[in-house]
Amino acid sequence: MAHWIQKRKSVLLWLLVTIGLSAWLGHVLLQAEDKTLLLPGKTTHGHYQIEMACSACHTAEEKENVFTSSGVPNSACTNCHGEDLNQFSDSHPTRKFKNPENAIFLEHVNAMNCVECHAEHNEKITHDMGVTIPQDYCAHCHQVTLENLESHQNLKFHTCATAGCHNYHDNMALAPSFLLKHYGEANNLKDQKVAEVNALQRWLSEGNKKRAALTIEEADAPSPKMTDPAINLDWEHAAHAAAGINCSDCHDDPVSGVWMPAPDHHTCKKCHDVEVTDFLKGKHGMRLAHPELSPMTPTQARQSLKATSAHRDLSCSSCHQPHRYDREFAAHQACIQCHDDEHTRNYDKSPHFALWAAELAGTGEERTGVSCATCHLPREERDDHHVVNHNQNANLTPNEKMIRNVCMDCHGLQFAMDAMADREVIADNFSTRPTKAHPGISWTVDAAIKRGNEEIIALKNYLESPNPSPPENAVSPPPTTTQQNNSRTNEKE
């Protein structure tokens, strides 16, 4: 027997290794929740939360000329990003390249397919924004820019996007017409308030009937569920009871009628459709949009988060405490439960926090405080109502997207661009002022003056005059702090 085993040792070893690997592979495929070992490469920062929902990107597509060798059609991208591209007037839509006059530009970069520039699972060649082609891609079409603009003579093409000057898709905050429109604004505007949000008014406008406020005596939860005084008190003094929303409205399963101990986002969506839809687009909630995935936990993040929150499931109730639904808590304290980066740690030392603390204390005006949510969950106007955008990634990358719907509620464009281009100012949470001026506006103004733009010439003379008098036919009112306003959120060029 020993001789037989010795003679076939290599074969037996091969069998053992094969059986072991097969067992391990079977476990990964059939039982293990973490299947990242099966991925062909590391996923980009934008998609890693849903990297195991392969069908989110690798879908069948019947239309011709849109299905690529990677198995990712354009529709897989636009299913998630299409609304944003439309909202912010995509600078390079595919229809632009369907024009025969622009066909020549496709020889170097096939801009008709999203994955031509954004190919997943290629960590070594992946740059900011998930771009996987060389960063000087602008040169293929815009060589004439270096030849015609004196301000660009010593610049390199790989800095077009990295210097905060141009974005391939969303360039609205950096478009020349927008820069000229806000040329000369004061650093701090007079009316520094965020928009007012009235969710109940919006809910009623959608055809829902107003209900009478409820007291704890009218709560319709089963008696065994009413034994916690803290929960009872929270509910009775929160927005739901004030709006006539009873326990059963959230806790009863709409199909079976069975009591649900912990209602999920589907329940919230019945009344808060806009908020939940946005939440499922951001990294906090995007896993919930795929039933095969578990909710996100901080352990799955690629940034510095607190170990004490490592296994906290992220859902609506993670920030909006069940039964209390305290918006003040959700706007600040909920964020610092998990986030532990330098920007977050410096918030309570910043002027923004001082404004927020003053508003909460009653010593500051309403809607003048600046919480985490003020910037990262901005208030936007949609269908004649202001809503809170619960997609916390919507204006993070590139950060110029935050200028229009956040910074310019309180600050002039030049100051906002300076601040968002200064990484140190961002890290210390805007506790210091930017030290360098972003050249975008000055370059655009110089170019307009060379073209003989009389309005800009008059406005520049006004700004530089020691005893200014208002210029005739200026593109905007003289930029004094008393004449600025915050009506910029929905401007489109």
Foldseek 3Di string as FASTA:
>chain_A
DVVVCVVCVVVVVVVVVVVVVVVVVCCLVPPDQDNVVPDLADWDQQCLLCVVVVCLFQDDDDDPPQQDPVNGGVVSVCVQCVVVLVQQVFPCDLVVCVPPVNVVLVVVFVPNYPCSQQPTRPVVQADPPNGRDDLLSVCSPVVVCCVPAPVCVPPGSSCCPVQPQADRTRCFLRDLVNLQLQPQAFFWAQQQFADDADLLVVLVVVVDDFDAAAALVPADDPPVVPPDVVLNVLQNPAPCNRRVNHQQLQQQDPPPRDGHPDGFVVSVCVRVVQQSVLQCSASQNVQVVPVVGFADFLCSHPADWDPVRRGPGRGPCLLQPPSNRDVLSSQAVSVNNIDDALLNVLVCVAPLVVQVVCVVVVNHDPRNHHTNQVQQQPWADDPNGTDTRNRSCSCVVPVSSSCQRHVLSTGGSFQSSQQSSDPVCSSNNNRDGRDDTSCSSVSSLVVCVVVVVPLSVQLVCQSPDPDHDWGPPHSDTNRDSHPDHRPGNSDGD
